[in-house]
Each structure stands twice: as C-alpha cells, then as structure tokens.
Amino acid sequence: MNEFAPHRARKRFGQNFLHDHGVINRILRGIAPREG
C-alpha cells in the first residue's frame, strides 16, 4: 500500500487549486521532477 492510499480525492474542489502558484510549487517540490 502506498502513502496516498488513505486520502480520497474530493470532487467539490475540482482543479481550482491549480490556480494557486504556492500549491503548484509545493506539488513540484514534492515530486522533484528531473530532466531526462
């Protein structure tokens, strides 16, 4: 089981959180994308 299993997506929030640059930056830091 992964660490995200207990969390459930909530439809009422939709994708509006993607308009918040602070949230976007936290997501990117969390996944730590690398080139290549």
PDB file of N, CA and C in Angstrom:
ATOM      1  N   MET A   1       0.835  -1.175   0.000  1.00  0.00           N
ATOM      2  CA  MET A   1       0.000   0.000   0.000  1.00  0.00           C
ATOM      3  C   MET A   1       0.890   1.252   0.000  1.00  0.00           C
ATOM      4  N   ASN A   2       0.497   2.263  -0.732  1.00  0.00           N
ATOM      5  CA  ASN A   2       1.331   3.457  -0.772  1.00  0.00           C
ATOM      6  C   ASN A   2       0.874   4.492   0.244  1.00  0.00           C
ATOM      7  N   GLU A   3       1.651   5.559   0.384  1.00  0.00           N
ATOM      8  CA  GLU A   3       1.360   6.582   1.393  1.00  0.00           C
ATOM      9  C   GLU A   3       0.104   7.395   1.084  1.00  0.00           C
ATOM     10  N   PHE A   4      -0.393   7.340  -0.162  1.00  0.00           N
ATOM     11  CA  PHE A   4      -1.556   8.122  -0.552  1.00  0.00           C
ATOM     12  C   PHE A   4      -2.865   7.338  -0.412  1.00  0.00           C
ATOM     13  N   ALA A   5      -2.793   6.081  -0.068  1.00  0.00           N
ATOM     14  CA  ALA A   5      -3.980   5.236  -0.003  1.00  0.00           C
ATOM     15  C   ALA A   5      -5.079   5.778   0.910  1.00  0.00           C
ATOM     16  N   PRO A   6      -4.760   6.330   2.088  1.00  0.00           N
ATOM     17  CA  PRO A   6      -5.855   6.786   2.949  1.00  0.00           C
ATOM     18  C   PRO A   6      -6.535   8.069   2.476  1.00  0.00           C
ATOM     19  N   HIS A   7      -5.958   8.749   1.522  1.00  0.00           N
ATOM     20  CA  HIS A   7      -6.519  10.009   1.039  1.00  0.00           C
ATOM     21  C   HIS A   7      -7.488   9.766  -0.111  1.00  0.00           C
ATOM     22  N   ARG A   8      -8.580  10.484  -0.086  1.00  0.00           N
ATOM     23  CA  ARG A   8      -9.588  10.379  -1.141  1.00  0.00           C
ATOM     24  C   ARG A   8      -9.706  11.725  -1.845  1.00  0.00           C
ATOM     25  N   ALA A   9      -9.768  11.688  -3.154  1.00  0.00           N
ATOM     26  CA  ALA A   9      -9.967  12.920  -3.916  1.00  0.00           C
ATOM     27  C   ALA A   9     -11.372  13.441  -3.657  1.00  0.00           C
ATOM     28  N   ARG A  10     -11.492  14.744  -3.569  1.00  0.00           N
ATOM     29  CA  ARG A  10     -12.807  15.351  -3.356  1.00  0.00           C
ATOM     30  C   ARG A  10     -13.203  16.100  -4.612  1.00  0.00           C
ATOM     31  N   LYS A  11     -14.273  15.667  -5.186  1.00  0.00           N
ATOM     32  CA  LYS A  11     -14.731  16.244  -6.440  1.00  0.00           C
ATOM     33  C   LYS A  11     -15.102  17.723  -6.303  1.00  0.00           C
ATOM     34  N   ARG A  12     -15.558  18.132  -5.129  1.00  0.00           N
ATOM     35  CA  ARG A  12     -16.003  19.514  -4.959  1.00  0.00           C
ATOM     36  C   ARG A  12     -14.874  20.520  -5.141  1.00  0.00           C
ATOM     37  N   PHE A  13     -13.623  20.096  -4.953  1.00  0.00           N
ATOM     38  CA  PHE A  13     -12.505  21.013  -5.125  1.00  0.00           C
ATOM     39  C   PHE A  13     -12.097  21.152  -6.590  1.00  0.00           C
ATOM     40  N   GLY A  14     -12.456  20.189  -7.416  1.00  0.00           N
ATOM     41  CA  GLY A  14     -12.101  20.238  -8.832  1.00  0.00           C
ATOM     42  C   GLY A  14     -10.614  20.461  -9.012  1.00  0.00           C
ATOM     43  N   GLN A  15     -10.254  21.278  -9.992  1.00  0.00           N
ATOM     44  CA  GLN A  15      -8.846  21.592 -10.231  1.00  0.00           C
ATOM     45  C   GLN A  15      -8.561  23.057  -9.938  1.00  0.00           C
ATOM     46  N   ASN A  16      -9.414  23.700  -9.180  1.00  0.00           N
ATOM     47  CA  ASN A  16      -9.224  25.105  -8.857  1.00  0.00           C
ATOM     48  C   ASN A  16      -7.939  25.364  -8.084  1.00  0.00           C
ATOM     49  N   PHE A  17      -7.446  24.361  -7.354  1.00  0.00           N
ATOM     50  CA  PHE A  17      -6.219  24.545  -6.593  1.00  0.00           C
ATOM     51  C   PHE A  17      -5.029  24.806  -7.512  1.00  0.00           C
ATOM     52  N   LEU A  18      -5.136  24.439  -8.794  1.00  0.00           N
ATOM     53  CA  LEU A  18      -4.027  24.648  -9.725  1.00  0.00           C
ATOM     54  C   LEU A  18      -3.859  26.113 -10.110  1.00  0.00           C
ATOM     55  N   HIS A  19      -4.755  26.973  -9.677  1.00  0.00           N
ATOM     56  CA  HIS A  19      -4.620  28.406  -9.939  1.00  0.00           C
ATOM     57  C   HIS A  19      -3.760  29.082  -8.876  1.00  0.00           C
ATOM     58  N   ASP A  20      -3.448  28.366  -7.817  1.00  0.00           N
ATOM     59  CA  ASP A  20      -2.649  28.912  -6.718  1.00  0.00           C
ATOM     60  C   ASP A  20      -1.190  28.523  -6.943  1.00  0.00           C
ATOM     61  N   HIS A  21      -0.345  29.513  -7.222  1.00  0.00           N
ATOM     62  CA  HIS A  21       1.062  29.230  -7.534  1.00  0.00           C
ATOM     63  C   HIS A  21       1.795  28.587  -6.354  1.00  0.00           C
ATOM     64  N   GLY A  22       1.390  28.902  -5.139  1.00  0.00           N
ATOM     65  CA  GLY A  22       2.005  28.276  -3.970  1.00  0.00           C
ATOM     66  C   GLY A  22       1.753  26.783  -3.949  1.00  0.00           C
ATOM     67  N   VAL A  23       0.543  26.377  -4.299  1.00  0.00           N
ATOM     68  CA  VAL A  23       0.198  24.953  -4.342  1.00  0.00           C
ATOM     69  C   VAL A  23       0.975  24.271  -5.458  1.00  0.00           C
ATOM     70  N   ILE A  24       1.052  24.905  -6.604  1.00  0.00           N
ATOM     71  CA  ILE A  24       1.797  24.334  -7.735  1.00  0.00           C
ATOM     72  C   ILE A  24       3.255  24.118  -7.342  1.00  0.00           C
ATOM     73  N   ASN A  25       3.866  25.101  -6.694  1.00  0.00           N
ATOM     74  CA  ASN A  25       5.264  24.971  -6.277  1.00  0.00           C
ATOM     75  C   ASN A  25       5.453  23.851  -5.265  1.00  0.00           C
ATOM     76  N   ARG A  26       4.513  23.692  -4.333  1.00  0.00           N
ATOM     77  CA  ARG A  26       4.612  22.598  -3.357  1.00  0.00           C
ATOM     78  C   ARG A  26       4.486  21.244  -4.036  1.00  0.00           C
ATOM     79  N   ILE A  27       3.613  21.144  -5.018  1.00  0.00           N
ATOM     80  CA  ILE A  27       3.464  19.888  -5.760  1.00  0.00           C
ATOM     81  C   ILE A  27       4.767  19.563  -6.479  1.00  0.00           C
ATOM     82  N   LEU A  28       5.333  20.553  -7.151  1.00  0.00           N
ATOM     83  CA  LEU A  28       6.572  20.319  -7.892  1.00  0.00           C
ATOM     84  C   LEU A  28       7.726  19.954  -6.968  1.00  0.00           C
ATOM     85  N   ARG A  29       7.831  20.605  -5.823  1.00  0.00           N
ATOM     86  CA  ARG A  29       8.888  20.249  -4.866  1.00  0.00           C
ATOM     87  C   ARG A  29       8.668  18.840  -4.335  1.00  0.00           C
ATOM     88  N   GLY A  30       7.420  18.468  -4.156  1.00  0.00           N
ATOM     89  CA  GLY A  30       7.102  17.142  -3.627  1.00  0.00           C
ATOM     90  C   GLY A  30       7.456  16.012  -4.574  1.00  0.00           C
ATOM     91  N   ILE A  31       7.242  16.229  -5.874  1.00  0.00           N
ATOM     92  CA  ILE A  31       7.548  15.162  -6.832  1.00  0.00           C
ATOM     93  C   ILE A  31       8.976  15.249  -7.344  1.00  0.00           C
ATOM     94  N   ALA A  32       9.629  16.401  -7.134  1.00  0.00           N
ATOM     95  CA  ALA A  32      11.035  16.607  -7.502  1.00  0.00           C
ATOM     96  C   ALA A  32      11.348  16.093  -8.910  1.00  0.00           C
ATOM     97  N   PRO A  33      10.730  16.693  -9.932  1.00  0.00           N
ATOM     98  CA  PRO A  33      10.994  16.235 -11.302  1.00  0.00           C
ATOM     99  C   PRO A  33      12.437  16.496 -11.719  1.00  0.00           C
ATOM    100  N   ARG A  34      12.961  15.623 -12.546  1.00  0.00           N
ATOM    101  CA  ARG A  34      14.328  15.771 -13.063  1.00  0.00           C
ATOM    102  C   ARG A  34      14.303  15.723 -14.575  1.00  0.00           C
ATOM    103  N   GLU A  35      15.243  16.395 -15.170  1.00  0.00           N
ATOM    104  CA  GLU A  35      15.347  16.410 -16.624  1.00  0.00           C
ATOM    105  C   GLU A  35      15.794  15.040 -17.133  1.00  0.00           C
ATOM    106  N   GLY A  36      15.280  14.654 -18.278  1.00  0.00           N
ATOM    107  CA  GLY A  36      15.727  13.428 -18.920  1.00  0.00           C
ATOM    108  C   GLY A  36      14.799  12.325 -18.711  1.00  0.00           C
TER     109      GLY A  36
END
